[in-house]
Amino acid sequence: GLGRLGWATFSDYIGRPNTYTAFFVIQMVLFFLLPNMT
């Protein structure tokens, strides 16, 4: 729920293209690291 409000509000300031690029950069790195997050 917080992500739905926070990211959408943040997109008003940085723009929707930058927001979606941020989604994918963040998740690409985190999904790669997650198996080793013991």
Full PDB file with SEQRES, HELIX, SHEET, SSBOND, CRYST1, ORIGX, SCALE, CONECT and MASTER records, all heavy atoms in Angstrom:
SEQRES   1 A   38  GLY LEU GLY ARG LEU GLY TRP ALA THR PHE SER ASP TYR          
SEQRES   2 A   38  ILE GLY ARG PRO ASN THR TYR THR ALA PHE PHE VAL ILE          
SEQRES   3 A   38  GLN MET VAL LEU PHE PHE LEU LEU PRO ASN MET THR              
HELIX    1 AA1 LEU A    2  ILE A   14  1                                  13    
HELIX    2 AA2 ARG A   16  LEU A   33  1                                  18    
HELIX    3 AA3 LEU A   34  ASN A   36  5                                   3    
CRYST1    1.000    1.000    1.000  90.00  90.00  90.00 P 1           1          
ORIGX1      1.000000  0.000000  0.000000        0.00000                         
ORIGX2      0.000000  1.000000  0.000000        0.00000                         
ORIGX3      0.000000  0.000000  1.000000        0.00000                         
SCALE1      1.000000  0.000000  0.000000        0.00000                         
SCALE2      0.000000  1.000000  0.000000        0.00000                         
SCALE3      0.000000  0.000000  1.000000        0.00000                         
ATOM      1  N   GLY A   1       0.809  -1.220   0.000  1.00  0.00           N  
ATOM      2  CA  GLY A   1       0.000   0.000   0.000  1.00  0.00           C  
ATOM      3  C   GLY A   1       0.837   1.262   0.000  1.00  0.00           C  
ATOM      4  O   GLY A   1       0.557   2.215  -0.739  1.00  0.00           O  
ATOM      5  N   LEU A   2       1.900   1.286   0.812  1.00  0.00           N  
ATOM      6  CA  LEU A   2       2.774   2.465   0.859  1.00  0.00           C  
ATOM      7  C   LEU A   2       3.469   2.695  -0.476  1.00  0.00           C  
ATOM      8  O   LEU A   2       3.646   3.840  -0.906  1.00  0.00           O  
ATOM      9  CB  LEU A   2       3.814   2.287   1.972  1.00  0.00           C  
ATOM     10  CG  LEU A   2       3.297   2.332   3.412  1.00  0.00           C  
ATOM     11  CD1 LEU A   2       4.427   2.014   4.385  1.00  0.00           C  
ATOM     12  CD2 LEU A   2       2.690   3.699   3.733  1.00  0.00           C  
ATOM     13  N   GLY A   3       3.857   1.603  -1.135  1.00  0.00           N  
ATOM     14  CA  GLY A   3       4.502   1.725  -2.440  1.00  0.00           C  
ATOM     15  C   GLY A   3       3.576   2.323  -3.478  1.00  0.00           C  
ATOM     16  O   GLY A   3       3.996   3.114  -4.331  1.00  0.00           O  
ATOM     17  N   ARG A   4       2.299   1.956  -3.404  1.00  0.00           N  
ATOM     18  CA  ARG A   4       1.314   2.471  -4.364  1.00  0.00           C  
ATOM     19  C   ARG A   4       1.165   3.989  -4.239  1.00  0.00           C  
ATOM     20  O   ARG A   4       1.084   4.694  -5.239  1.00  0.00           O  
ATOM     21  CB  ARG A   4      -0.039   1.780  -4.141  1.00  0.00           C  
ATOM     22  CG  ARG A   4      -0.036   0.323  -4.568  1.00  0.00           C  
ATOM     23  CD  ARG A   4      -1.274  -0.438  -4.113  1.00  0.00           C  
ATOM     24  NE  ARG A   4      -1.122  -1.861  -4.400  1.00  0.00           N  
ATOM     25  CZ  ARG A   4      -1.848  -2.545  -5.281  1.00  0.00           C  
ATOM     26  NH1 ARG A   4      -2.787  -1.930  -5.972  1.00  0.00           N  
ATOM     27  NH2 ARG A   4      -1.636  -3.831  -5.491  1.00  0.00           N  
ATOM     28  N   LEU A   5       1.123   4.480  -3.007  1.00  0.00           N  
ATOM     29  CA  LEU A   5       0.992   5.927  -2.812  1.00  0.00           C  
ATOM     30  C   LEU A   5       2.329   6.636  -3.006  1.00  0.00           C  
ATOM     31  O   LEU A   5       2.415   7.648  -3.699  1.00  0.00           O  
ATOM     32  CB  LEU A   5       0.445   6.214  -1.413  1.00  0.00           C  
ATOM     33  CG  LEU A   5       0.307   7.697  -1.042  1.00  0.00           C  
ATOM     34  CD1 LEU A   5      -0.653   8.402  -1.998  1.00  0.00           C  
ATOM     35  CD2 LEU A   5      -0.167   7.855   0.402  1.00  0.00           C  
ATOM     36  N   GLY A   6       3.390   6.092  -2.395  1.00  0.00           N  
ATOM     37  CA  GLY A   6       4.690   6.760  -2.408  1.00  0.00           C  
ATOM     38  C   GLY A   6       5.291   6.894  -3.797  1.00  0.00           C  
ATOM     39  O   GLY A   6       5.681   7.988  -4.215  1.00  0.00           O  
ATOM     40  N   TRP A   7       5.371   5.793  -4.538  1.00  0.00           N  
ATOM     41  CA  TRP A   7       5.970   5.835  -5.873  1.00  0.00           C  
ATOM     42  C   TRP A   7       5.142   6.677  -6.844  1.00  0.00           C  
ATOM     43  O   TRP A   7       5.694   7.427  -7.664  1.00  0.00           O  
ATOM     44  CB  TRP A   7       6.142   4.429  -6.432  1.00  0.00           C  
ATOM     45  CG  TRP A   7       7.349   3.702  -5.955  1.00  0.00           C  
ATOM     46  CD1 TRP A   7       7.402   2.622  -5.119  1.00  0.00           C  
ATOM     47  CD2 TRP A   7       8.724   3.992  -6.297  1.00  0.00           C  
ATOM     48  NE1 TRP A   7       8.701   2.223  -4.915  1.00  0.00           N  
ATOM     49  CE2 TRP A   7       9.530   3.045  -5.628  1.00  0.00           C  
ATOM     50  CE3 TRP A   7       9.336   4.957  -7.098  1.00  0.00           C  
ATOM     51  CZ2 TRP A   7      10.921   3.033  -5.736  1.00  0.00           C  
ATOM     52  CZ3 TRP A   7      10.718   4.956  -7.210  1.00  0.00           C  
ATOM     53  CH2 TRP A   7      11.495   4.002  -6.542  1.00  0.00           C  
ATOM     54  N   ALA A   8       3.811   6.555  -6.757  1.00  0.00           N  
ATOM     55  CA  ALA A   8       2.962   7.333  -7.664  1.00  0.00           C  
ATOM     56  C   ALA A   8       3.117   8.830  -7.411  1.00  0.00           C  
ATOM     57  O   ALA A   8       3.184   9.635  -8.346  1.00  0.00           O  
ATOM     58  CB  ALA A   8       1.499   6.914  -7.494  1.00  0.00           C  
ATOM     59  N   THR A   9       3.186   9.200  -6.129  1.00  0.00           N  
ATOM     60  CA  THR A   9       3.393  10.614  -5.784  1.00  0.00           C  
ATOM     61  C   THR A   9       4.773  11.088  -6.241  1.00  0.00           C  
ATOM     62  O   THR A   9       4.917  12.185  -6.802  1.00  0.00           O  
ATOM     63  CB  THR A   9       3.258  10.807  -4.260  1.00  0.00           C  
ATOM     64  OG1 THR A   9       1.984  10.321  -3.828  1.00  0.00           O  
ATOM     65  CG2 THR A   9       3.388  12.281  -3.888  1.00  0.00           C  
ATOM     66  N   PHE A  10       5.785  10.263  -6.009  1.00  0.00           N  
ATOM     67  CA  PHE A  10       7.157  10.587  -6.407  1.00  0.00           C  
ATOM     68  C   PHE A  10       7.256  10.769  -7.919  1.00  0.00           C  
ATOM     69  O   PHE A  10       8.038  11.604  -8.408  1.00  0.00           O  
ATOM     70  CB  PHE A  10       8.086   9.462  -5.934  1.00  0.00           C  
ATOM     71  CG  PHE A  10       9.550   9.803  -6.006  1.00  0.00           C  
ATOM     72  CD1 PHE A  10      10.025  11.038  -5.607  1.00  0.00           C  
ATOM     73  CD2 PHE A  10      10.470   8.861  -6.460  1.00  0.00           C  
ATOM     74  CE1 PHE A  10      11.382  11.346  -5.658  1.00  0.00           C  
ATOM     75  CE2 PHE A  10      11.817   9.153  -6.536  1.00  0.00           C  
ATOM     76  CZ  PHE A  10      12.278  10.406  -6.129  1.00  0.00           C  
ATOM     77  N   SER A  11       6.428  10.018  -8.668  1.00  0.00           N  
ATOM     78  CA  SER A  11       6.472  10.100 -10.140  1.00  0.00           C  
ATOM     79  C   SER A  11       6.036  11.469 -10.646  1.00  0.00           C  
ATOM     80  O   SER A  11       6.382  11.867 -11.757  1.00  0.00           O  
ATOM     81  CB  SER A  11       5.592   9.012 -10.760  1.00  0.00           C  
ATOM     82  OG  SER A  11       4.203   9.323 -10.651  1.00  0.00           O  
ATOM     83  N   ASP A  12       5.244  12.208  -9.835  1.00  0.00           N  
ATOM     84  CA  ASP A  12       4.856  13.572 -10.228  1.00  0.00           C  
ATOM     85  C   ASP A  12       6.067  14.498 -10.286  1.00  0.00           C  
ATOM     86  O   ASP A  12       6.051  15.515 -10.988  1.00  0.00           O  
ATOM     87  CB  ASP A  12       3.838  14.140  -9.228  1.00  0.00           C  
ATOM     88  CG  ASP A  12       2.454  13.531  -9.384  1.00  0.00           C  
ATOM     89  OD1 ASP A  12       2.120  13.095 -10.491  1.00  0.00           O  
ATOM     90  OD2 ASP A  12       1.708  13.499  -8.379  1.00  0.00           O  
ATOM     91  N   TYR A  13       7.115  14.158  -9.538  1.00  0.00           N  
ATOM     92  CA  TYR A  13       8.300  15.013  -9.451  1.00  0.00           C  
ATOM     93  C   TYR A  13       9.418  14.560 -10.389  1.00  0.00           C  
ATOM     94  O   TYR A  13      10.114  15.403 -10.962  1.00  0.00           O  
ATOM     95  CB  TYR A  13       8.810  15.044  -8.002  1.00  0.00           C  
ATOM     96  CG  TYR A  13       7.812  15.652  -7.043  1.00  0.00           C  
ATOM     97  CD1 TYR A  13       6.930  14.855  -6.337  1.00  0.00           C  
ATOM     98  CD2 TYR A  13       7.739  17.031  -6.873  1.00  0.00           C  
ATOM     99  CE1 TYR A  13       5.993  15.404  -5.469  1.00  0.00           C  
ATOM    100  CE2 TYR A  13       6.814  17.595  -6.009  1.00  0.00           C  
ATOM    101  CZ  TYR A  13       5.942  16.779  -5.314  1.00  0.00           C  
ATOM    102  OH  TYR A  13       5.014  17.335  -4.466  1.00  0.00           O  
ATOM    103  N   ILE A  14       9.603  13.248 -10.537  1.00  0.00           N  
ATOM    104  CA  ILE A  14      10.717  12.766 -11.377  1.00  0.00           C  
ATOM    105  C   ILE A  14      10.250  12.293 -12.757  1.00  0.00           C  
ATOM    106  O   ILE A  14      11.069  12.003 -13.618  1.00  0.00           O  
ATOM    107  CB  ILE A  14      11.506  11.636 -10.682  1.00  0.00           C  
ATOM    108  CG1 ILE A  14      10.653  10.370 -10.549  1.00  0.00           C  
ATOM    109  CG2 ILE A  14      12.016  12.087  -9.333  1.00  0.00           C  
ATOM    110  CD1 ILE A  14      11.448   9.152 -10.100  1.00  0.00           C  
ATOM    111  N   GLY A  15       8.935  12.230 -12.955  1.00  0.00           N  
ATOM    112  CA  GLY A  15       8.406  11.785 -14.238  1.00  0.00           C  
ATOM    113  C   GLY A  15       8.180  10.280 -14.265  1.00  0.00           C  
ATOM    114  O   GLY A  15       8.879   9.509 -13.604  1.00  0.00           O  
ATOM    115  N   ARG A  16       7.184   9.860 -15.047  1.00  0.00           N  
ATOM    116  CA  ARG A  16       6.861   8.442 -15.113  1.00  0.00           C  
ATOM    117  C   ARG A  16       7.964   7.609 -15.770  1.00  0.00           C  
ATOM    118  O   ARG A  16       8.275   6.501 -15.281  1.00  0.00           O  
ATOM    119  CB  ARG A  16       5.535   8.246 -15.842  1.00  0.00           C  
ATOM    120  CG  ARG A  16       4.359   7.986 -14.954  1.00  0.00           C  
ATOM    121  CD  ARG A  16       4.034   9.084 -13.956  1.00  0.00           C  
ATOM    122  NE  ARG A  16       3.435  10.246 -14.571  1.00  0.00           N  
ATOM    123  CZ  ARG A  16       2.922  11.284 -13.917  1.00  0.00           C  
ATOM    124  NH1 ARG A  16       2.989  11.334 -12.594  1.00  0.00           N  
ATOM    125  NH2 ARG A  16       2.388  12.306 -14.544  1.00  0.00           N  
ATOM    126  N   PRO A  17       8.617   8.064 -16.847  1.00  0.00           N  
ATOM    127  CA  PRO A  17       9.697   7.248 -17.426  1.00  0.00           C  
ATOM    128  C   PRO A  17      10.817   6.961 -16.428  1.00  0.00           C  
ATOM    129  O   PRO A  17      11.304   5.827 -16.350  1.00  0.00           O  
ATOM    130  CB  PRO A  17      10.199   8.110 -18.598  1.00  0.00           C  
ATOM    131  CG  PRO A  17       9.009   8.940 -18.984  1.00  0.00           C  
ATOM    132  CD  PRO A  17       8.323   9.244 -17.692  1.00  0.00           C  
ATOM    133  N   ASN A  18      11.220   7.976 -15.655  1.00  0.00           N  
ATOM    134  CA  ASN A  18      12.274   7.768 -14.649  1.00  0.00           C  
ATOM    135  C   ASN A  18      11.810   6.834 -13.540  1.00  0.00           C  
ATOM    136  O   ASN A  18      12.599   6.041 -13.003  1.00  0.00           O  
ATOM    137  CB  ASN A  18      12.698   9.106 -14.044  1.00  0.00           C  
ATOM    138  CG  ASN A  18      13.476   9.968 -15.024  1.00  0.00           C  
ATOM    139  OD1 ASN A  18      14.091   9.451 -15.945  1.00  0.00           O  
ATOM    140  ND2 ASN A  18      13.441  11.270 -14.840  1.00  0.00           N  
ATOM    141  N   THR A  19      10.531   6.918 -13.188  1.00  0.00           N  
ATOM    142  CA  THR A  19       9.993   6.057 -12.131  1.00  0.00           C  
ATOM    143  C   THR A  19      10.073   4.595 -12.538  1.00  0.00           C  
ATOM    144  O   THR A  19      10.530   3.746 -11.748  1.00  0.00           O  
ATOM    145  CB  THR A  19       8.524   6.433 -11.821  1.00  0.00           C  
ATOM    146  OG1 THR A  19       8.470   7.810 -11.426  1.00  0.00           O  
ATOM    147  CG2 THR A  19       7.961   5.567 -10.711  1.00  0.00           C  
ATOM    148  N   TYR A  20       9.642   4.280 -13.751  1.00  0.00           N  
ATOM    149  CA  TYR A  20       9.655   2.879 -14.193  1.00  0.00           C  
ATOM    150  C   TYR A  20      11.082   2.370 -14.399  1.00  0.00           C  
ATOM    151  O   TYR A  20      11.380   1.204 -14.107  1.00  0.00           O  
ATOM    152  CB  TYR A  20       8.802   2.704 -15.454  1.00  0.00           C  
ATOM    153  CG  TYR A  20       7.369   2.390 -15.105  1.00  0.00           C  
ATOM    154  CD1 TYR A  20       6.486   3.413 -14.749  1.00  0.00           C  
ATOM    155  CD2 TYR A  20       6.909   1.087 -15.055  1.00  0.00           C  
ATOM    156  CE1 TYR A  20       5.186   3.140 -14.386  1.00  0.00           C  
ATOM    157  CE2 TYR A  20       5.604   0.799 -14.688  1.00  0.00           C  
ATOM    158  CZ  TYR A  20       4.745   1.819 -14.360  1.00  0.00           C  
ATOM    159  OH  TYR A  20       3.462   1.539 -13.973  1.00  0.00           O  
ATOM    160  N   THR A  21      11.959   3.228 -14.882  1.00  0.00           N  
ATOM    161  CA  THR A  21      13.361   2.826 -14.999  1.00  0.00           C  
ATOM    162  C   THR A  21      13.926   2.512 -13.615  1.00  0.00           C  
ATOM    163  O   THR A  21      14.651   1.522 -13.441  1.00  0.00           O  
ATOM    164  CB  THR A  21      14.186   3.942 -15.668  1.00  0.00           C  
ATOM    165  OG1 THR A  21      13.696   4.156 -17.002  1.00  0.00           O  
ATOM    166  CG2 THR A  21      15.659   3.558 -15.748  1.00  0.00           C  
ATOM    167  N   ALA A  22      13.560   3.321 -12.617  1.00  0.00           N  
ATOM    168  CA  ALA A  22      14.007   3.071 -11.239  1.00  0.00           C  
ATOM    169  C   ALA A  22      13.481   1.735 -10.724  1.00  0.00           C  
ATOM    170  O   ALA A  22      14.219   0.973 -10.076  1.00  0.00           O  
ATOM    171  CB  ALA A  22      13.549   4.204 -10.325  1.00  0.00           C  
ATOM    172  N   PHE A  23      12.199   1.425 -11.021  1.00  0.00           N  
ATOM    173  CA  PHE A  23      11.636   0.132 -10.622  1.00  0.00           C  
ATOM    174  C   PHE A  23      12.532  -1.024 -11.083  1.00  0.00           C  
ATOM    175  O   PHE A  23      12.847  -1.933 -10.318  1.00  0.00           O  
ATOM    176  CB  PHE A  23      10.257  -0.084 -11.254  1.00  0.00           C  
ATOM    177  CG  PHE A  23       9.152   0.739 -10.666  1.00  0.00           C  
ATOM    178  CD1 PHE A  23       8.004   0.986 -11.399  1.00  0.00           C  
ATOM    179  CD2 PHE A  23       9.233   1.260  -9.384  1.00  0.00           C  
ATOM    180  CE1 PHE A  23       6.962   1.729 -10.881  1.00  0.00           C  
ATOM    181  CE2 PHE A  23       8.194   2.012  -8.851  1.00  0.00           C  
ATOM    182  CZ  PHE A  23       7.059   2.254  -9.607  1.00  0.00           C  
ATOM    183  N   PHE A  24      12.916  -0.960 -12.351  1.00  0.00           N  
ATOM    184  CA  PHE A  24      13.592  -2.103 -12.952  1.00  0.00           C  
ATOM    185  C   PHE A  24      15.059  -2.195 -12.540  1.00  0.00           C  
ATOM    186  O   PHE A  24      15.582  -3.297 -12.362  1.00  0.00           O  
ATOM    187  CB  PHE A  24      13.430  -2.059 -14.471  1.00  0.00           C  
ATOM    188  CG  PHE A  24      11.983  -2.003 -14.902  1.00  0.00           C  
ATOM    189  CD1 PHE A  24      11.566  -1.162 -15.930  1.00  0.00           C  
ATOM    190  CD2 PHE A  24      11.027  -2.763 -14.249  1.00  0.00           C  
ATOM    191  CE1 PHE A  24      10.243  -1.107 -16.309  1.00  0.00           C  
ATOM    192  CE2 PHE A  24       9.692  -2.708 -14.617  1.00  0.00           C  
ATOM    193  CZ  PHE A  24       9.291  -1.866 -15.653  1.00  0.00           C  
ATOM    194  N   VAL A  25      15.713  -1.049 -12.377  1.00  0.00           N  
ATOM    195  CA  VAL A  25      17.104  -1.059 -11.894  1.00  0.00           C  
ATOM    196  C   VAL A  25      17.152  -1.629 -10.473  1.00  0.00           C  
ATOM    197  O   VAL A  25      17.959  -2.521 -10.167  1.00  0.00           O  
ATOM    198  CB  VAL A  25      17.710   0.363 -11.924  1.00  0.00           C  
ATOM    199  CG1 VAL A  25      19.042   0.379 -11.188  1.00  0.00           C  
ATOM    200  CG2 VAL A  25      17.896   0.842 -13.358  1.00  0.00           C  
ATOM    201  N   ILE A  26      16.273  -1.108  -9.623  1.00  0.00           N  
ATOM    202  CA  ILE A  26      16.239  -1.563  -8.219  1.00  0.00           C  
ATOM    203  C   ILE A  26      15.956  -3.054  -8.136  1.00  0.00           C  
ATOM    204  O   ILE A  26      16.667  -3.812  -7.455  1.00  0.00           O  
ATOM    205  CB  ILE A  26      15.175  -0.769  -7.418  1.00  0.00           C  
ATOM    206  CG1 ILE A  26      15.617   0.690  -7.245  1.00  0.00           C  
ATOM    207  CG2 ILE A  26      14.919  -1.420  -6.055  1.00  0.00           C  
ATOM    208  CD1 ILE A  26      14.532   1.604  -6.718  1.00  0.00           C  
ATOM    209  N   GLN A  27      14.931  -3.514  -8.855  1.00  0.00           N  
ATOM    210  CA  GLN A  27      14.523  -4.919  -8.737  1.00  0.00           C  
ATOM    211  C   GLN A  27      15.492  -5.870  -9.424  1.00  0.00           C  
ATOM    212  O   GLN A  27      15.699  -6.998  -8.952  1.00  0.00           O  
ATOM    213  CB  GLN A  27      13.109  -5.097  -9.279  1.00  0.00           C  
ATOM    214  CG  GLN A  27      12.068  -4.418  -8.392  1.00  0.00           C  
ATOM    215  CD  GLN A  27      10.655  -4.618  -8.902  1.00  0.00           C  
ATOM    216  OE1 GLN A  27       9.941  -5.505  -8.483  1.00  0.00           O  
ATOM    217  NE2 GLN A  27      10.255  -3.764  -9.836  1.00  0.00           N  
ATOM    218  N   MET A  28      16.096  -5.445 -10.509  1.00  0.00           N  
ATOM    219  CA  MET A  28      17.081  -6.284 -11.176  1.00  0.00           C  
ATOM    220  C   MET A  28      18.233  -6.596 -10.224  1.00  0.00           C  
ATOM    221  O   MET A  28      18.670  -7.750 -10.106  1.00  0.00           O  
ATOM    222  CB  MET A  28      17.608  -5.590 -12.440  1.00  0.00           C  
ATOM    223  CG  MET A  28      18.593  -6.420 -13.257  1.00  0.00           C  
ATOM    224  SD  MET A  28      19.041  -5.595 -14.810  1.00  0.00           S  
ATOM    225  CE  MET A  28      19.876  -4.126 -14.182  1.00  0.00           C  
ATOM    226  N   VAL A  29      18.704  -5.583  -9.523  1.00  0.00           N  
ATOM    227  CA  VAL A  29      19.796  -5.760  -8.556  1.00  0.00           C  
ATOM    228  C   VAL A  29      19.334  -6.606  -7.367  1.00  0.00           C  
ATOM    229  O   VAL A  29      20.012  -7.545  -6.949  1.00  0.00           O  
ATOM    230  CB  VAL A  29      20.320  -4.388  -8.073  1.00  0.00           C  
ATOM    231  CG1 VAL A  29      21.326  -4.560  -6.941  1.00  0.00           C  
ATOM    232  CG2 VAL A  29      20.953  -3.623  -9.230  1.00  0.00           C  
ATOM    233  N   LEU A  30      18.148  -6.290  -6.826  1.00  0.00           N  
ATOM    234  CA  LEU A  30      17.678  -6.980  -5.626  1.00  0.00           C  
ATOM    235  C   LEU A  30      17.337  -8.444  -5.879  1.00  0.00           C  
ATOM    236  O   LEU A  30      17.603  -9.304  -5.030  1.00  0.00           O  
ATOM    237  CB  LEU A  30      16.466  -6.251  -5.032  1.00  0.00           C  
ATOM    238  CG  LEU A  30      16.737  -4.841  -4.479  1.00  0.00           C  
ATOM    239  CD1 LEU A  30      15.481  -4.264  -3.846  1.00  0.00           C  
ATOM    240  CD2 LEU A  30      17.879  -4.856  -3.468  1.00  0.00           C  
ATOM    241  N   PHE A  31      16.750  -8.751  -7.018  1.00  0.00           N  
ATOM    242  CA  PHE A  31      16.445 -10.145  -7.337  1.00  0.00           C  
ATOM    243  C   PHE A  31      17.738 -10.949  -7.509  1.00  0.00           C  
ATOM    244  O   PHE A  31      17.785 -12.132  -7.175  1.00  0.00           O  
ATOM    245  CB  PHE A  31      15.587 -10.242  -8.599  1.00  0.00           C  
ATOM    246  CG  PHE A  31      14.109 -10.226  -8.329  1.00  0.00           C  
ATOM    247  CD1 PHE A  31      13.457  -9.029  -8.048  1.00  0.00           C  
ATOM    248  CD2 PHE A  31      13.363 -11.386  -8.340  1.00  0.00           C  
ATOM    249  CE1 PHE A  31      12.095  -8.998  -7.793  1.00  0.00           C  
ATOM    250  CE2 PHE A  31      12.005 -11.377  -8.087  1.00  0.00           C  
ATOM    251  CZ  PHE A  31      11.371 -10.174  -7.808  1.00  0.00           C  
ATOM    252  N   PHE A  32      18.769 -10.288  -8.025  1.00  0.00           N  
ATOM    253  CA  PHE A  32      20.067 -10.952  -8.182  1.00  0.00           C  
ATOM    254  C   PHE A  32      20.700 -11.238  -6.813  1.00  0.00           C  
ATOM    255  O   PHE A  32      21.320 -12.285  -6.602  1.00  0.00           O  
ATOM    256  CB  PHE A  32      20.991 -10.074  -9.030  1.00  0.00           C  
ATOM    257  CG  PHE A  32      22.330 -10.690  -9.303  1.00  0.00           C  
ATOM    258  CD1 PHE A  32      22.483 -11.678 -10.272  1.00  0.00           C  
ATOM    259  CD2 PHE A  32      23.458 -10.291  -8.583  1.00  0.00           C  
ATOM    260  CE1 PHE A  32      23.721 -12.256 -10.525  1.00  0.00           C  
ATOM    261  CE2 PHE A  32      24.696 -10.858  -8.819  1.00  0.00           C  
ATOM    262  CZ  PHE A  32      24.823 -11.845  -9.794  1.00  0.00           C  
ATOM    263  N   LEU A  33      20.530 -10.300  -5.868  1.00  0.00           N  
ATOM    264  CA  LEU A  33      21.145 -10.433  -4.544  1.00  0.00           C  
ATOM    265  C   LEU A  33      20.330 -11.301  -3.585  1.00  0.00           C  
ATOM    266  O   LEU A  33      20.883 -11.881  -2.646  1.00  0.00           O  
ATOM    267  CB  LEU A  33      21.339  -9.051  -3.913  1.00  0.00           C  
ATOM    268  CG  LEU A  33      22.320  -8.089  -4.606  1.00  0.00           C  
ATOM    269  CD1 LEU A  33      22.294  -6.736  -3.900  1.00  0.00           C  
ATOM    270  CD2 LEU A  33      23.731  -8.666  -4.606  1.00  0.00           C  
ATOM    271  N   LEU A  34      19.027 -11.381  -3.799  1.00  0.00           N  
ATOM    272  CA  LEU A  34      18.132 -12.010  -2.824  1.00  0.00           C  
ATOM    273  C   LEU A  34      18.514 -13.446  -2.433  1.00  0.00           C  
ATOM    274  O   LEU A  34      18.422 -13.785  -1.240  1.00  0.00           O  
ATOM    275  CB  LEU A  34      16.689 -11.976  -3.349  1.00  0.00           C  
ATOM    276  CG  LEU A  34      15.581 -12.234  -2.315  1.00  0.00           C  
ATOM    277  CD1 LEU A  34      15.660 -11.252  -1.155  1.00  0.00           C  
ATOM    278  CD2 LEU A  34      14.211 -12.138  -2.981  1.00  0.00           C  
ATOM    279  N   PRO A  35      18.950 -14.321  -3.360  1.00  0.00           N  
ATOM    280  CA  PRO A  35      19.292 -15.695  -2.947  1.00  0.00           C  
ATOM    281  C   PRO A  35      20.409 -15.759  -1.910  1.00  0.00           C  
ATOM    282  O   PRO A  35      20.526 -16.756  -1.189  1.00  0.00           O  
ATOM    283  CB  PRO A  35      19.736 -16.357  -4.257  1.00  0.00           C  
ATOM    284  CG  PRO A  35      19.120 -15.544  -5.336  1.00  0.00           C  
ATOM    285  CD  PRO A  35      19.084 -14.142  -4.813  1.00  0.00           C  
ATOM    286  N   ASN A  36      21.239 -14.705  -1.847  1.00  0.00           N  
ATOM    287  CA  ASN A  36      22.363 -14.693  -0.894  1.00  0.00           C  
ATOM    288  C   ASN A  36      22.072 -13.863   0.350  1.00  0.00           C  
ATOM    289  O   ASN A  36      22.952 -13.694   1.202  1.00  0.00           O  
ATOM    290  CB  ASN A  36      23.613 -14.144  -1.589  1.00  0.00           C  
ATOM    291  CG  ASN A  36      24.009 -14.998  -2.791  1.00  0.00           C  
ATOM    292  OD1 ASN A  36      24.091 -16.217  -2.686  1.00  0.00           O  
ATOM    293  ND2 ASN A  36      24.230 -14.353  -3.928  1.00  0.00           N  
ATOM    294  N   MET A  37      20.830 -13.361   0.464  1.00  0.00           N  
ATOM    295  CA  MET A  37      20.454 -12.553   1.627  1.00  0.00           C  
ATOM    296  C   MET A  37      20.036 -13.480   2.766  1.00  0.00           C  
ATOM    297  O   MET A  37      18.843 -13.654   3.051  1.00  0.00           O  
ATOM    298  CB  MET A  37      19.303 -11.603   1.263  1.00  0.00           C  
ATOM    299  CG  MET A  37      19.709 -10.449   0.389  1.00  0.00           C  
ATOM    300  SD  MET A  37      20.654  -9.229   1.329  1.00  0.00           S  
ATOM    301  CE  MET A  37      21.118  -8.092   0.019  1.00  0.00           C  
ATOM    302  N   THR A  38      21.015 -14.068   3.418  1.00  0.00           N  
ATOM    303  CA  THR A  38      20.711 -15.039   4.473  1.00  0.00           C  
ATOM    304  C   THR A  38      20.427 -14.398   5.827  1.00  0.00           C  
ATOM    305  O   THR A  38      19.888 -15.048   6.719  1.00  0.00           O  
ATOM    306  CB  THR A  38      21.882 -16.034   4.628  1.00  0.00           C  
ATOM    307  OG1 THR A  38      23.092 -15.299   4.847  1.00  0.00           O  
ATOM    308  CG2 THR A  38      22.023 -16.880   3.373  1.00  0.00           C  
TER     309      THR A  38                                                      
MASTER        0    0    0    3    0    0    0    6  308    1    0    3          
END                                                                             
